[in-house]
PDB file of N, CA and C in Angstrom:
ATOM      1  N   MET A   1     152.729  20.934 181.036  1.00  0.00           N
ATOM      2  CA  MET A   1     152.291  22.843 181.157  1.00  0.00           C
ATOM      3  C   MET A   1     153.336  23.891 180.312  1.00  0.00           C
ATOM      4  N   GLU A   2     154.848  23.479 180.780  1.00  0.00           N
ATOM      5  CA  GLU A   2     155.537  24.746 180.021  1.00  0.00           C
ATOM      6  C   GLU A   2     155.112  24.821 178.865  1.00  0.00           C
ATOM      7  N   LYS A   3     154.383  23.788 177.985  1.00  0.00           N
ATOM      8  CA  LYS A   3     154.347  24.099 176.674  1.00  0.00           C
ATOM      9  C   LYS A   3     153.274  25.324 176.169  1.00  0.00           C
ATOM     10  N   LEU A   4     152.354  24.749 177.113  1.00  0.00           N
ATOM     11  CA  LEU A   4     151.057  26.050 177.315  1.00  0.00           C
ATOM     12  C   LEU A   4     151.402  27.484 177.562  1.00  0.00           C
ATOM     13  N   ILE A   5     152.491  27.682 178.459  1.00  0.00           N
ATOM     14  CA  ILE A   5     152.852  28.851 179.115  1.00  0.00           C
ATOM     15  C   ILE A   5     153.642  29.504 177.426  1.00  0.00           C
ATOM     16  N   THR A   6     154.065  29.046 177.016  1.00  0.00           N
ATOM     17  CA  THR A   6     154.820  29.182 175.986  1.00  0.00           C
ATOM     18  C   THR A   6     153.844  29.880 174.476  1.00  0.00           C
ATOM     19  N   ALA A   7     153.031  28.686 174.826  1.00  0.00           N
ATOM     20  CA  ALA A   7     151.843  29.114 173.733  1.00  0.00           C
ATOM     21  C   ALA A   7     151.377  30.598 173.985  1.00  0.00           C
ATOM     22  N   LEU A   8     150.912  30.347 175.267  1.00  0.00           N
ATOM     23  CA  LEU A   8     149.970  31.440 175.413  1.00  0.00           C
ATOM     24  C   LEU A   8     150.971  32.834 175.597  1.00  0.00           C
ATOM     25  N   LEU A   9     151.800  32.692 176.240  1.00  0.00           N
ATOM     26  CA  LEU A   9     153.436  33.842 175.421  1.00  0.00           C
ATOM     27  C   LEU A   9     153.042  34.044 174.132  1.00  0.00           C
ATOM     28  N   VAL A  10     153.454  33.445 173.139  1.00  0.00           N
ATOM     29  CA  VAL A  10     153.562  33.485 171.980  1.00  0.00           C
ATOM     30  C   VAL A  10     152.313  34.033 171.588  1.00  0.00           C
ATOM     31  N   LEU A  11     151.467  33.995 171.988  1.00  0.00           N
ATOM     32  CA  LEU A  11     149.826  34.562 171.519  1.00  0.00           C
ATOM     33  C   LEU A  11     150.091  36.400 171.737  1.00  0.00           C
ATOM     34  N   ALA A  12     150.373  36.453 173.159  1.00  0.00           N
ATOM     35  CA  ALA A  12     150.437  37.725 173.532  1.00  0.00           C
ATOM     36  C   ALA A  12     150.970  38.305 172.649  1.00  0.00           C
ATOM     37  N   GLY A  13     152.655  37.526 172.522  1.00  0.00           N
ATOM     38  CA  GLY A  13     153.593  38.374 171.545  1.00  0.00           C
ATOM     39  C   GLY A  13     152.973  38.996 170.037  1.00  0.00           C
ATOM     40  N   ILE A  14     152.277  38.148 169.303  1.00  0.00           N
ATOM     41  CA  ILE A  14     151.749  38.298 168.473  1.00  0.00           C
ATOM     42  C   ILE A  14     150.551  39.761 168.385  1.00  0.00           C
ATOM     43  N   ILE A  15     149.662  39.355 169.171  1.00  0.00           N
ATOM     44  CA  ILE A  15     148.579  40.450 169.571  1.00  0.00           C
ATOM     45  C   ILE A  15     149.883  42.017 169.764  1.00  0.00           C
ATOM     46  N   HIS A  16     150.661  42.072 170.714  1.00  0.00           N
ATOM     47  CA  HIS A  16     151.766  43.462 170.708  1.00  0.00           C
ATOM     48  C   HIS A  16     152.124  43.034 168.854  1.00  0.00           C
ATOM     49  N   LEU A  17     152.311  42.589 168.399  1.00  0.00           N
ATOM     50  CA  LEU A  17     152.886  42.739 167.292  1.00  0.00           C
ATOM     51  C   LEU A  17     152.182  43.461 165.983  1.00  0.00           C
ATOM     52  N   LEU A  18     150.961  43.287 166.256  1.00  0.00           N
ATOM     53  CA  LEU A  18     150.225  43.682 165.236  1.00  0.00           C
ATOM     54  C   LEU A  18     150.249  45.021 164.688  1.00  0.00           C
ATOM     55  N   PRO A  19     150.478  46.499 166.221  1.00  0.00           N
ATOM     56  CA  PRO A  19     150.554  47.297 165.596  1.00  0.00           C
ATOM     57  C   PRO A  19     151.707  47.998 164.795  1.00  0.00           C
ATOM     58  N   VAL A  20     152.669  47.090 165.028  1.00  0.00           N
ATOM     59  CA  VAL A  20     153.977  47.271 164.062  1.00  0.00           C
ATOM     60  C   VAL A  20     154.065  48.065 162.721  1.00  0.00           C
ATOM     61  N   PRO A  21     153.115  47.645 161.974  1.00  0.00           N
ATOM     62  CA  PRO A  21     153.131  47.979 160.237  1.00  0.00           C
ATOM     63  C   PRO A  21     152.671  49.738 160.370  1.00  0.00           C
ATOM     64  N   GLY A  22     152.419  49.684 161.516  1.00  0.00           N
ATOM     65  CA  GLY A  22     151.850  52.033 161.669  1.00  0.00           C
ATOM     66  C   GLY A  22     153.711  52.513 161.402  1.00  0.00           C
ATOM     67  N   VAL A  23     154.909  51.750 162.078  1.00  0.00           N
ATOM     68  CA  VAL A  23     155.352  52.485 161.790  1.00  0.00           C
ATOM     69  C   VAL A  23     156.002  52.999 159.972  1.00  0.00           C
ATOM     70  N   LEU A  24     154.960  52.424 159.588  1.00  0.00           N
ATOM     71  CA  LEU A  24     155.325  52.546 157.935  1.00  0.00           C
ATOM     72  C   LEU A  24     154.567  53.927 157.166  1.00  0.00           C
ATOM     73  N   GLY A  25     153.704  54.492 158.054  1.00  0.00           N
ATOM     74  CA  GLY A  25     152.808  55.966 157.961  1.00  0.00           C
ATOM     75  C   GLY A  25     151.585  56.101 158.732  1.00  0.00           C
ATOM     76  N   ALA A  26     151.387  57.178 158.363  1.00  0.00           N
ATOM     77  CA  ALA A  26     149.956  57.580 158.769  1.00  0.00           C
ATOM     78  C   ALA A  26     148.808  56.682 157.937  1.00  0.00           C
ATOM     79  N   GLU A  27     149.509  56.596 156.684  1.00  0.00           N
ATOM     80  CA  GLU A  27     148.297  55.367 156.083  1.00  0.00           C
ATOM     81  C   GLU A  27     147.914  54.649 157.025  1.00  0.00           C
ATOM     82  N   ARG A  28     148.503  53.495 156.792  1.00  0.00           N
ATOM     83  CA  ARG A  28     148.907  52.334 157.508  1.00  0.00           C
ATOM     84  C   ARG A  28     148.094  52.594 158.917  1.00  0.00           C
ATOM     85  N   LEU A  29     148.579  53.656 159.706  1.00  0.00           N
ATOM     86  CA  LEU A  29     148.171  54.023 161.163  1.00  0.00           C
ATOM     87  C   LEU A  29     146.647  54.047 161.082  1.00  0.00           C
ATOM     88  N   SER A  30     146.302  54.992 159.754  1.00  0.00           N
ATOM     89  CA  SER A  30     144.883  55.275 159.828  1.00  0.00           C
ATOM     90  C   SER A  30     143.605  53.647 159.563  1.00  0.00           C
ATOM     91  N   ALA A  31     144.644  53.407 158.622  1.00  0.00           N
ATOM     92  CA  ALA A  31     143.667  51.898 158.238  1.00  0.00           C
ATOM     93  C   ALA A  31     144.232  51.135 159.620  1.00  0.00           C
ATOM     94  N   LEU A  32     144.937  51.136 160.720  1.00  0.00           N
ATOM     95  CA  LEU A  32     144.778  50.383 161.855  1.00  0.00           C
ATOM     96  C   LEU A  32     143.814  51.025 162.957  1.00  0.00           C
ATOM     97  N   TYR A  33     143.592  52.396 162.832  1.00  0.00           N
ATOM     98  CA  TYR A  33     143.010  52.974 164.000  1.00  0.00           C
ATOM     99  C   TYR A  33     141.695  53.866 163.517  1.00  0.00           C
ATOM    100  N   GLY A  34     141.132  53.508 162.396  1.00  0.00           N
ATOM    101  CA  GLY A  34     140.739  54.559 162.095  1.00  0.00           C
ATOM    102  C   GLY A  34     140.126  56.140 162.669  1.00  0.00           C
ATOM    103  N   ILE A  35     141.585  56.491 162.418  1.00  0.00           N
ATOM    104  CA  ILE A  35     141.940  58.302 162.790  1.00  0.00           C
ATOM    105  C   ILE A  35     142.653  58.663 161.660  1.00  0.00           C
ATOM    106  N   SER A  36     142.134  60.133 161.392  1.00  0.00           N
ATOM    107  CA  SER A  36     142.969  60.596 160.874  1.00  0.00           C
ATOM    108  C   SER A  36     144.249  61.448 160.706  1.00  0.00           C
ATOM    109  N   LEU A  37     145.412  61.286 160.643  1.00  0.00           N
ATOM    110  CA  LEU A  37     146.791  61.666 161.306  1.00  0.00           C
ATOM    111  C   LEU A  37     147.183  62.864 160.189  1.00  0.00           C
ATOM    112  N   ALA A  38     146.783  64.254 160.304  1.00  0.00           N
ATOM    113  CA  ALA A  38     147.124  65.022 159.780  1.00  0.00           C
ATOM    114  C   ALA A  38     147.933  65.888 160.670  1.00  0.00           C
ATOM    115  N   GLU A  39     148.049  65.363 161.812  1.00  0.00           N
ATOM    116  CA  GLU A  39     148.981  66.638 162.539  1.00  0.00           C
ATOM    117  C   GLU A  39     150.091  65.584 162.731  1.00  0.00           C
ATOM    118  N   PRO A  40     151.357  66.357 162.202  1.00  0.00           N
ATOM    119  CA  PRO A  40     152.490  65.347 162.519  1.00  0.00           C
ATOM    120  C   PRO A  40     152.991  64.988 163.573  1.00  0.00           C
ATOM    121  N   ASN A  41     153.017  65.582 164.537  1.00  0.00           N
ATOM    122  CA  ASN A  41     153.082  65.242 165.781  1.00  0.00           C
ATOM    123  C   ASN A  41     152.371  63.649 165.902  1.00  0.00           C
ATOM    124  N   ILE A  42     151.356  63.902 166.256  1.00  0.00           N
ATOM    125  CA  ILE A  42     151.022  63.006 166.304  1.00  0.00           C
ATOM    126  C   ILE A  42     151.160  61.657 165.502  1.00  0.00           C
ATOM    127  N   ASP A  43     151.428  61.503 164.424  1.00  0.00           N
ATOM    128  CA  ASP A  43     151.680  60.703 163.246  1.00  0.00           C
ATOM    129  C   ASP A  43     153.456  60.321 163.926  1.00  0.00           C
ATOM    130  N   ILE A  44     154.178  60.710 164.407  1.00  0.00           N
ATOM    131  CA  ILE A  44     155.884  60.567 165.019  1.00  0.00           C
ATOM    132  C   ILE A  44     155.049  60.093 166.332  1.00  0.00           C
ATOM    133  N   LEU A  45     154.116  60.471 166.992  1.00  0.00           N
ATOM    134  CA  LEU A  45     153.723  59.317 167.905  1.00  0.00           C
ATOM    135  C   LEU A  45     153.188  57.888 167.967  1.00  0.00           C
ATOM    136  N   MET A  46     152.088  57.889 167.138  1.00  0.00           N
ATOM    137  CA  MET A  46     151.922  56.731 166.770  1.00  0.00           C
ATOM    138  C   MET A  46     152.849  56.049 165.785  1.00  0.00           C
ATOM    139  N   ARG A  47     153.534  56.473 165.007  1.00  0.00           N
ATOM    140  CA  ARG A  47     154.801  55.385 164.922  1.00  0.00           C
ATOM    141  C   ARG A  47     155.691  54.916 165.626  1.00  0.00           C
ATOM    142  N   HIS A  48     156.274  55.985 166.627  1.00  0.00           N
ATOM    143  CA  HIS A  48     156.905  55.179 167.679  1.00  0.00           C
ATOM    144  C   HIS A  48     156.073  54.701 168.731  1.00  0.00           C
ATOM    145  N   ARG A  49     155.065  54.652 168.895  1.00  0.00           N
ATOM    146  CA  ARG A  49     153.807  53.582 169.752  1.00  0.00           C
ATOM    147  C   ARG A  49     154.233  52.151 169.079  1.00  0.00           C
ATOM    148  N   ALA A  50     154.049  52.544 167.474  1.00  0.00           N
ATOM    149  CA  ALA A  50     154.269  50.951 166.968  1.00  0.00           C
ATOM    150  C   ALA A  50     156.042  50.621 167.139  1.00  0.00           C
ATOM    151  N   ILE A  51     156.919  50.839 166.922  1.00  0.00           N
ATOM    152  CA  ILE A  51     157.992  50.068 167.353  1.00  0.00           C
ATOM    153  C   ILE A  51     158.217  50.361 169.130  1.00  0.00           C
ATOM    154  N   LEU A  52     158.105  50.801 170.118  1.00  0.00           N
ATOM    155  CA  LEU A  52     157.551  50.203 171.314  1.00  0.00           C
ATOM    156  C   LEU A  52     156.661  49.242 171.633  1.00  0.00           C
ATOM    157  N   PHE A  53     155.253  48.847 170.458  1.00  0.00           N
ATOM    158  CA  PHE A  53     154.922  47.461 170.314  1.00  0.00           C
ATOM    159  C   PHE A  53     155.640  46.359 169.838  1.00  0.00           C
ATOM    160  N   GLY A  54     156.054  46.398 168.931  1.00  0.00           N
ATOM    161  CA  GLY A  54     157.506  45.726 168.121  1.00  0.00           C
ATOM    162  C   GLY A  54     158.543  45.411 169.367  1.00  0.00           C
ATOM    163  N   ILE A  55     159.101  46.338 170.548  1.00  0.00           N
ATOM    164  CA  ILE A  55     160.115  46.079 170.781  1.00  0.00           C
ATOM    165  C   ILE A  55     159.407  44.812 172.028  1.00  0.00           C
ATOM    166  N   LEU A  56     157.896  45.373 172.254  1.00  0.00           N
ATOM    167  CA  LEU A  56     157.275  44.185 173.926  1.00  0.00           C
ATOM    168  C   LEU A  56     157.056  43.080 172.693  1.00  0.00           C
ATOM    169  N   GLY A  57     156.339  43.297 171.996  1.00  0.00           N
ATOM    170  CA  GLY A  57     155.707  41.955 171.645  1.00  0.00           C
ATOM    171  C   GLY A  57     157.015  40.552 171.263  1.00  0.00           C
ATOM    172  N   LEU A  58     157.995  41.096 170.354  1.00  0.00           N
ATOM    173  CA  LEU A  58     159.575  40.591 170.401  1.00  0.00           C
ATOM    174  C   LEU A  58     159.861  39.941 171.840  1.00  0.00           C
ATOM    175  N   PHE A  59     159.820  41.019 172.842  1.00  0.00           N
ATOM    176  CA  PHE A  59     160.322  40.392 174.185  1.00  0.00           C
ATOM    177  C   PHE A  59     159.758  39.419 174.662  1.00  0.00           C
ATOM    178  N   LEU A  60     157.723  39.378 174.347  1.00  0.00           N
ATOM    179  CA  LEU A  60     156.883  38.102 174.918  1.00  0.00           C
ATOM    180  C   LEU A  60     157.671  37.375 173.731  1.00  0.00           C
ATOM    181  N   LEU A  61     157.446  37.460 172.675  1.00  0.00           N
ATOM    182  CA  LEU A  61     158.156  35.376 171.554  1.00  0.00           C
ATOM    183  C   LEU A  61     159.352  35.528 172.695  1.00  0.00           C
ATOM    184  N   TYR A  62     160.572  36.107 172.755  1.00  0.00           N
ATOM    185  CA  TYR A  62     161.560  36.045 173.434  1.00  0.00           C
ATOM    186  C   TYR A  62     161.332  35.264 174.705  1.00  0.00           C
ATOM    187  N   ALA A  63     160.618  35.547 175.470  1.00  0.00           N
ATOM    188  CA  ALA A  63     160.272  35.205 176.994  1.00  0.00           C
ATOM    189  C   ALA A  63     159.362  33.817 176.605  1.00  0.00           C
ATOM    190  N   ALA A  64     158.928  33.523 175.767  1.00  0.00           N
ATOM    191  CA  ALA A  64     158.254  32.415 175.406  1.00  0.00           C
ATOM    192  C   ALA A  64     158.709  31.062 175.720  1.00  0.00           C
ATOM    193  N   PHE A  65     160.162  31.114 175.207  1.00  0.00           N
ATOM    194  CA  PHE A  65     161.108  30.218 175.170  1.00  0.00           C
ATOM    195  C   PHE A  65     162.387  30.242 176.381  1.00  0.00           C
ATOM    196  N   GLN A  66     162.320  31.397 177.185  1.00  0.00           N
ATOM    197  CA  GLN A  66     162.860  31.177 178.294  1.00  0.00           C
ATOM    198  C   GLN A  66     162.317  31.621 179.648  1.00  0.00           C
ATOM    199  N   PRO A  67     162.294  30.368 180.110  1.00  0.00           N
ATOM    200  CA  PRO A  67     161.580  30.209 181.121  1.00  0.00           C
ATOM    201  C   PRO A  67     162.041  31.522 182.444  1.00  0.00           C
ATOM    202  N   SER A  68     163.067  31.765 182.589  1.00  0.00           N
ATOM    203  CA  SER A  68     164.129  32.838 183.511  1.00  0.00           C
ATOM    204  C   SER A  68     162.996  34.117 183.185  1.00  0.00           C
ATOM    205  N   LEU A  69     162.710  34.699 181.737  1.00  0.00           N
ATOM    206  CA  LEU A  69     161.878  36.146 181.475  1.00  0.00           C
ATOM    207  C   LEU A  69     160.692  35.607 181.325  1.00  0.00           C
ATOM    208  N   GLN A  70     160.074  34.755 181.762  1.00  0.00           N
ATOM    209  CA  GLN A  70     158.467  34.496 181.650  1.00  0.00           C
ATOM    210  C   GLN A  70     157.718  35.502 182.955  1.00  0.00           C
ATOM    211  N   THR A  71     158.089  35.423 183.853  1.00  0.00           N
ATOM    212  CA  THR A  71     157.637  36.618 184.552  1.00  0.00           C
ATOM    213  C   THR A  71     157.661  37.973 184.435  1.00  0.00           C
ATOM    214  N   LEU A  72     158.237  38.048 184.283  1.00  0.00           N
ATOM    215  CA  LEU A  72     159.216  39.284 183.465  1.00  0.00           C
ATOM    216  C   LEU A  72     157.960  39.802 182.453  1.00  0.00           C
ATOM    217  N   ALA A  73     157.880  38.894 181.514  1.00  0.00           N
ATOM    218  CA  ALA A  73     157.428  39.208 180.851  1.00  0.00           C
ATOM    219  C   ALA A  73     155.259  39.324 180.457  1.00  0.00           C
ATOM    220  N   MET A  74     155.196  38.043 181.621  1.00  0.00           N
ATOM    221  CA  MET A  74     154.363  38.650 181.651  1.00  0.00           C
ATOM    222  C   MET A  74     153.537  39.687 182.252  1.00  0.00           C
ATOM    223  N   VAL A  75     154.428  40.266 183.574  1.00  0.00           N
ATOM    224  CA  VAL A  75     154.215  41.567 184.096  1.00  0.00           C
ATOM    225  C   VAL A  75     154.148  43.031 183.044  1.00  0.00           C
ATOM    226  N   ALA A  76     155.154  43.062 182.067  1.00  0.00           N
ATOM    227  CA  ALA A  76     155.338  43.528 181.212  1.00  0.00           C
ATOM    228  C   ALA A  76     154.158  43.263 180.132  1.00  0.00           C
ATOM    229  N   GLY A  77     153.708  42.584 180.092  1.00  0.00           N
ATOM    230  CA  GLY A  77     152.421  42.664 178.729  1.00  0.00           C
ATOM    231  C   GLY A  77     151.523  43.349 179.609  1.00  0.00           C
ATOM    232  N   LEU A  78     150.814  42.412 180.776  1.00  0.00           N
ATOM    233  CA  LEU A  78     149.799  42.792 181.180  1.00  0.00           C
ATOM    234  C   LEU A  78     149.460  44.509 181.797  1.00  0.00           C
ATOM    235  N   ILE A  79     150.914  44.773 182.012  1.00  0.00           N
ATOM    236  CA  ILE A  79     150.823  46.293 182.161  1.00  0.00           C
ATOM    237  C   ILE A  79     150.150  46.770 181.153  1.00  0.00           C
ATOM    238  N   SER A  80     151.010  46.581 179.966  1.00  0.00           N
ATOM    239  CA  SER A  80     150.376  47.041 178.848  1.00  0.00           C
ATOM    240  C   SER A  80     149.127  47.011 177.813  1.00  0.00           C
ATOM    241  N   VAL A  81     148.468  45.945 178.106  1.00  0.00           N
ATOM    242  CA  VAL A  81     147.128  45.549 177.792  1.00  0.00           C
ATOM    243  C   VAL A  81     146.377  46.310 178.711  1.00  0.00           C
ATOM    244  N   VAL A  82     146.539  45.904 179.708  1.00  0.00           N
ATOM    245  CA  VAL A  82     145.168  46.331 180.892  1.00  0.00           C
ATOM    246  C   VAL A  82     145.396  47.944 181.283  1.00  0.00           C
ATOM    247  N   SER A  83     146.356  48.935 181.210  1.00  0.00           N
ATOM    248  CA  SER A  83     146.374  50.117 180.993  1.00  0.00           C
ATOM    249  C   SER A  83     145.681  50.415 179.684  1.00  0.00           C
ATOM    250  N   PHE A  84     145.688  50.035 178.505  1.00  0.00           N
ATOM    251  CA  PHE A  84     144.954  50.189 177.467  1.00  0.00           C
ATOM    252  C   PHE A  84     143.838  50.353 177.443  1.00  0.00           C
ATOM    253  N   ILE A  85     143.658  49.093 178.071  1.00  0.00           N
ATOM    254  CA  ILE A  85     141.926  48.672 178.142  1.00  0.00           C
ATOM    255  C   ILE A  85     141.103  49.835 178.939  1.00  0.00           C
ATOM    256  N   ALA A  86     142.218  50.163 180.377  1.00  0.00           N
ATOM    257  CA  ALA A  86     141.794  51.063 181.256  1.00  0.00           C
ATOM    258  C   ALA A  86     141.259  52.592 180.863  1.00  0.00           C
ATOM    259  N   ILE A  87     142.461  53.053 180.027  1.00  0.00           N
ATOM    260  CA  ILE A  87     142.268  54.120 179.593  1.00  0.00           C
ATOM    261  C   ILE A  87     141.541  54.414 178.378  1.00  0.00           C
ATOM    262  N   ALA A  88     141.098  53.350 177.521  1.00  0.00           N
ATOM    263  CA  ALA A  88     140.121  53.239 176.781  1.00  0.00           C
ATOM    264  C   ALA A  88     138.773  53.591 177.641  1.00  0.00           C
ATOM    265  N   TRP A  89     138.218  52.742 178.419  1.00  0.00           N
ATOM    266  CA  TRP A  89     136.952  52.676 179.108  1.00  0.00           C
ATOM    267  C   TRP A  89     136.929  53.738 179.709  1.00  0.00           C
ATOM    268  N   SER A  90     137.971  54.918 180.218  1.00  0.00           N
ATOM    269  CA  SER A  90     137.600  55.803 180.984  1.00  0.00           C
ATOM    270  C   SER A  90     137.680  57.051 180.374  1.00  0.00           C
ATOM    271  N   VAL A  91     138.279  56.870 179.200  1.00  0.00           N
ATOM    272  CA  VAL A  91     138.064  58.087 177.960  1.00  0.00           C
ATOM    273  C   VAL A  91     136.083  57.848 177.293  1.00  0.00           C
ATOM    274  N   GLY A  92     136.501  56.646 176.670  1.00  0.00           N
ATOM    275  CA  GLY A  92     134.931  56.522 176.386  1.00  0.00           C
ATOM    276  C   GLY A  92     135.159  57.114 174.589  1.00  0.00           C
ATOM    277  N   GLY A  93     133.866  56.911 173.873  1.00  0.00           N
ATOM    278  CA  GLY A  93     133.492  57.952 172.759  1.00  0.00           C
ATOM    279  C   GLY A  93     134.611  57.291 171.791  1.00  0.00           C
ATOM    280  N   TYR A  94     135.199  55.556 172.148  1.00  0.00           N
ATOM    281  CA  TYR A  94     136.004  55.303 170.967  1.00  0.00           C
ATOM    282  C   TYR A  94     135.422  54.597 169.756  1.00  0.00           C
ATOM    283  N   ASN A  95     135.966  54.548 168.548  1.00  0.00           N
ATOM    284  CA  ASN A  95     135.906  54.152 167.487  1.00  0.00           C
ATOM    285  C   ASN A  95     135.544  52.544 167.059  1.00  0.00           C
ATOM    286  N   GLU A  96     134.902  51.987 166.398  1.00  0.00           N
ATOM    287  CA  GLU A  96     134.813  50.453 166.251  1.00  0.00           C
ATOM    288  C   GLU A  96     136.867  49.586 165.955  1.00  0.00           C
ATOM    289  N   PHE A  97     137.691  50.142 165.629  1.00  0.00           N
ATOM    290  CA  PHE A  97     139.026  50.108 165.452  1.00  0.00           C
ATOM    291  C   PHE A  97     139.557  50.095 166.682  1.00  0.00           C
ATOM    292  N   ILE A  98     139.305  50.929 167.552  1.00  0.00           N
ATOM    293  CA  ILE A  98     139.863  50.913 168.772  1.00  0.00           C
ATOM    294  C   ILE A  98     139.217  50.168 169.767  1.00  0.00           C
ATOM    295  N   GLN A  99     137.945  49.479 169.092  1.00  0.00           N
ATOM    296  CA  GLN A  99     136.972  48.544 170.049  1.00  0.00           C
ATOM    297  C   GLN A  99     137.477  47.026 169.628  1.00  0.00           C
ATOM    298  N   LYS A 100     138.102  47.112 168.346  1.00  0.00           N
ATOM    299  CA  LYS A 100     138.854  45.780 168.149  1.00  0.00           C
ATOM    300  C   LYS A 100     140.408  45.716 168.789  1.00  0.00           C
ATOM    301  N   VAL A 101     141.218  46.850 169.128  1.00  0.00           N
ATOM    302  CA  VAL A 101     142.176  46.807 169.737  1.00  0.00           C
ATOM    303  C   VAL A 101     141.722  46.169 171.272  1.00  0.00           C
ATOM    304  N   ILE A 102     140.652  47.031 171.743  1.00  0.00           N
ATOM    305  CA  ILE A 102     140.449  46.474 173.647  1.00  0.00           C
ATOM    306  C   ILE A 102     140.047  44.804 173.351  1.00  0.00           C
ATOM    307  N   LEU A 103     139.286  44.571 172.430  1.00  0.00           N
ATOM    308  CA  LEU A 103     138.822  42.837 171.837  1.00  0.00           C
ATOM    309  C   LEU A 103     140.656  42.143 172.222  1.00  0.00           C
ATOM    310  N   ALA A 104     140.815  42.643 171.293  1.00  0.00           N
ATOM    311  CA  ALA A 104     142.435  42.021 170.916  1.00  0.00           C
ATOM    312  C   ALA A 104     143.511  42.129 172.350  1.00  0.00           C
ATOM    313  N   ASP A 105     143.425  43.279 173.160  1.00  0.00           N
ATOM    314  CA  ASP A 105     143.993  43.274 174.479  1.00  0.00           C
ATOM    315  C   ASP A 105     143.272  42.434 175.387  1.00  0.00           C
ATOM    316  N   MET A 106     142.228  42.092 175.592  1.00  0.00           N
ATOM    317  CA  MET A 106     141.331  41.465 176.242  1.00  0.00           C
ATOM    318  C   MET A 106     142.163  40.027 175.703  1.00  0.00           C
ATOM    319  N   VAL A 107     142.141  39.634 174.986  1.00  0.00           N
ATOM    320  CA  VAL A 107     142.491  37.961 174.736  1.00  0.00           C
ATOM    321  C   VAL A 107     144.203  37.895 175.113  1.00  0.00           C
ATOM    322  N   ALA A 108     144.669  39.174 175.169  1.00  0.00           N
ATOM    323  CA  ALA A 108     146.286  39.201 175.461  1.00  0.00           C
ATOM    324  C   ALA A 108     146.078  38.805 176.758  1.00  0.00           C
ATOM    325  N   THR A 109     145.308  40.055 177.793  1.00  0.00           N
ATOM    326  CA  THR A 109     144.665  39.843 179.056  1.00  0.00           C
ATOM    327  C   THR A 109     144.764  38.516 179.766  1.00  0.00           C
ATOM    328  N   ILE A 110     143.674  37.565 179.051  1.00  0.00           N
ATOM    329  CA  ILE A 110     143.329  36.409 179.483  1.00  0.00           C
ATOM    330  C   ILE A 110     144.652  34.973 179.206  1.00  0.00           C
ATOM    331  N   ALA A 111     145.321  35.864 177.890  1.00  0.00           N
ATOM    332  CA  ALA A 111     146.310  34.648 177.942  1.00  0.00           C
ATOM    333  C   ALA A 111     147.462  34.920 179.367  1.00  0.00           C
ATOM    334  N   LEU A 112     147.564  36.158 178.993  1.00  0.00           N
ATOM    335  CA  LEU A 112     148.764  36.458 180.162  1.00  0.00           C
ATOM    336  C   LEU A 112     148.086  36.124 181.367  1.00  0.00           C
ATOM    337  N   VAL A 113     147.403  36.059 181.971  1.00  0.00           N
ATOM    338  CA  VAL A 113     146.475  35.919 183.257  1.00  0.00           C
ATOM    339  C   VAL A 113     146.652  33.930 183.178  1.00  0.00           C
ATOM    340  N   ALA A 114     146.335  33.422 182.509  1.00  0.00           N
ATOM    341  CA  ALA A 114     145.814  31.843 182.346  1.00  0.00           C
ATOM    342  C   ALA A 114     148.024  31.716 182.510  1.00  0.00           C
ATOM    343  N   ALA A 115     148.455  32.153 181.528  1.00  0.00           N
ATOM    344  CA  ALA A 115     149.822  32.043 181.679  1.00  0.00           C
ATOM    345  C   ALA A 115     150.592  31.927 183.235  1.00  0.00           C
ATOM    346  N   ALA A 116     150.119  33.490 183.319  1.00  0.00           N
ATOM    347  CA  ALA A 116     150.952  33.369 185.396  1.00  0.00           C
ATOM    348  C   ALA A 116     149.829  32.481 186.179  1.00  0.00           C
ATOM    349  N   VAL A 117     149.010  32.247 186.169  1.00  0.00           N
ATOM    350  CA  VAL A 117     148.418  30.994 187.110  1.00  0.00           C
ATOM    351  C   VAL A 117     148.330  29.649 186.794  1.00  0.00           C
ATOM    352  N   ILE A 118     148.993  29.408 185.550  1.00  0.00           N
ATOM    353  CA  ILE A 118     149.678  27.891 185.354  1.00  0.00           C
ATOM    354  C   ILE A 118     150.683  28.185 185.917  1.00  0.00           C
ATOM    355  N   ARG A 119     151.416  29.496 185.655  1.00  0.00           N
ATOM    356  CA  ARG A 119     153.060  29.048 186.245  1.00  0.00           C
ATOM    357  C   ARG A 119     152.970  28.669 188.097  1.00  0.00           C
ATOM    358  N   ALA A 120     152.022  29.869 188.589  1.00  0.00           N
ATOM    359  CA  ALA A 120     151.859  30.047 190.084  1.00  0.00           C
ATOM    360  C   ALA A 120     151.569  28.648 190.761  1.00  0.00           C
ATOM    361  N   ILE A 121     150.375  28.043 190.222  1.00  0.00           N
ATOM    362  CA  ILE A 121     149.828  26.631 190.214  1.00  0.00           C
ATOM    363  C   ILE A 121     151.093  25.527 190.153  1.00  0.00           C
ATOM    364  N   ASP A 122     151.855  25.298 188.688  1.00  0.00           N
ATOM    365  CA  ASP A 122     152.534  24.415 189.013  1.00  0.00           C
ATOM    366  C   ASP A 122     153.999  24.664 188.947  1.00  0.00           C
ATOM    367  N   PRO A 123     154.785  24.157 189.598  1.00  0.00           N
ATOM    368  CA  PRO A 123     156.334  24.743 189.862  1.00  0.00           C
ATOM    369  C   PRO A 123     156.791  24.020 188.956  1.00  0.00           C
ATOM    370  N   THR A 124     156.876  23.070 188.148  1.00  0.00           N
ATOM    371  CA  THR A 124     157.160  22.526 187.209  1.00  0.00           C
ATOM    372  C   THR A 124     157.661  23.448 186.097  1.00  0.00           C
ATOM    373  N   SER A 125     156.666  24.049 185.874  1.00  0.00           N
ATOM    374  CA  SER A 125     156.024  24.514 184.600  1.00  0.00           C
ATOM    375  C   SER A 125     157.194  25.653 184.755  1.00  0.00           C
ATOM    376  N   SER A 126     158.277  26.208 185.549  1.00  0.00           N
ATOM    377  CA  SER A 126     159.249  27.125 185.471  1.00  0.00           C
ATOM    378  C   SER A 126     160.614  26.805 185.419  1.00  0.00           C
TER     379      SER A 126
END
């Protein structure tokens, strides 16, 4: 079960790393999200967002192999993905690129919840 938790955290970590290339600039962000970033302030915010996702993604990957950090990583990852899904659904009107992000976040949610359930029911997995 420990290996399954590791695999699920790795999956969530990889999903969180997908936006990192956005740090390279507006063109890459536009390709990721299907939006125009003509406003420099939005460009700055979105590039910073890419860095934060990189930090969280790397933490999830590191925690996958450090059982003492796994619960914290699961909580942080779940806050990230569930909050994005909730915000997207509450705002609505998103494009197909954002829909893909929502789907990826749903996969990450399932992976993180599954890892948390396994951790909770199998005491030998910690």
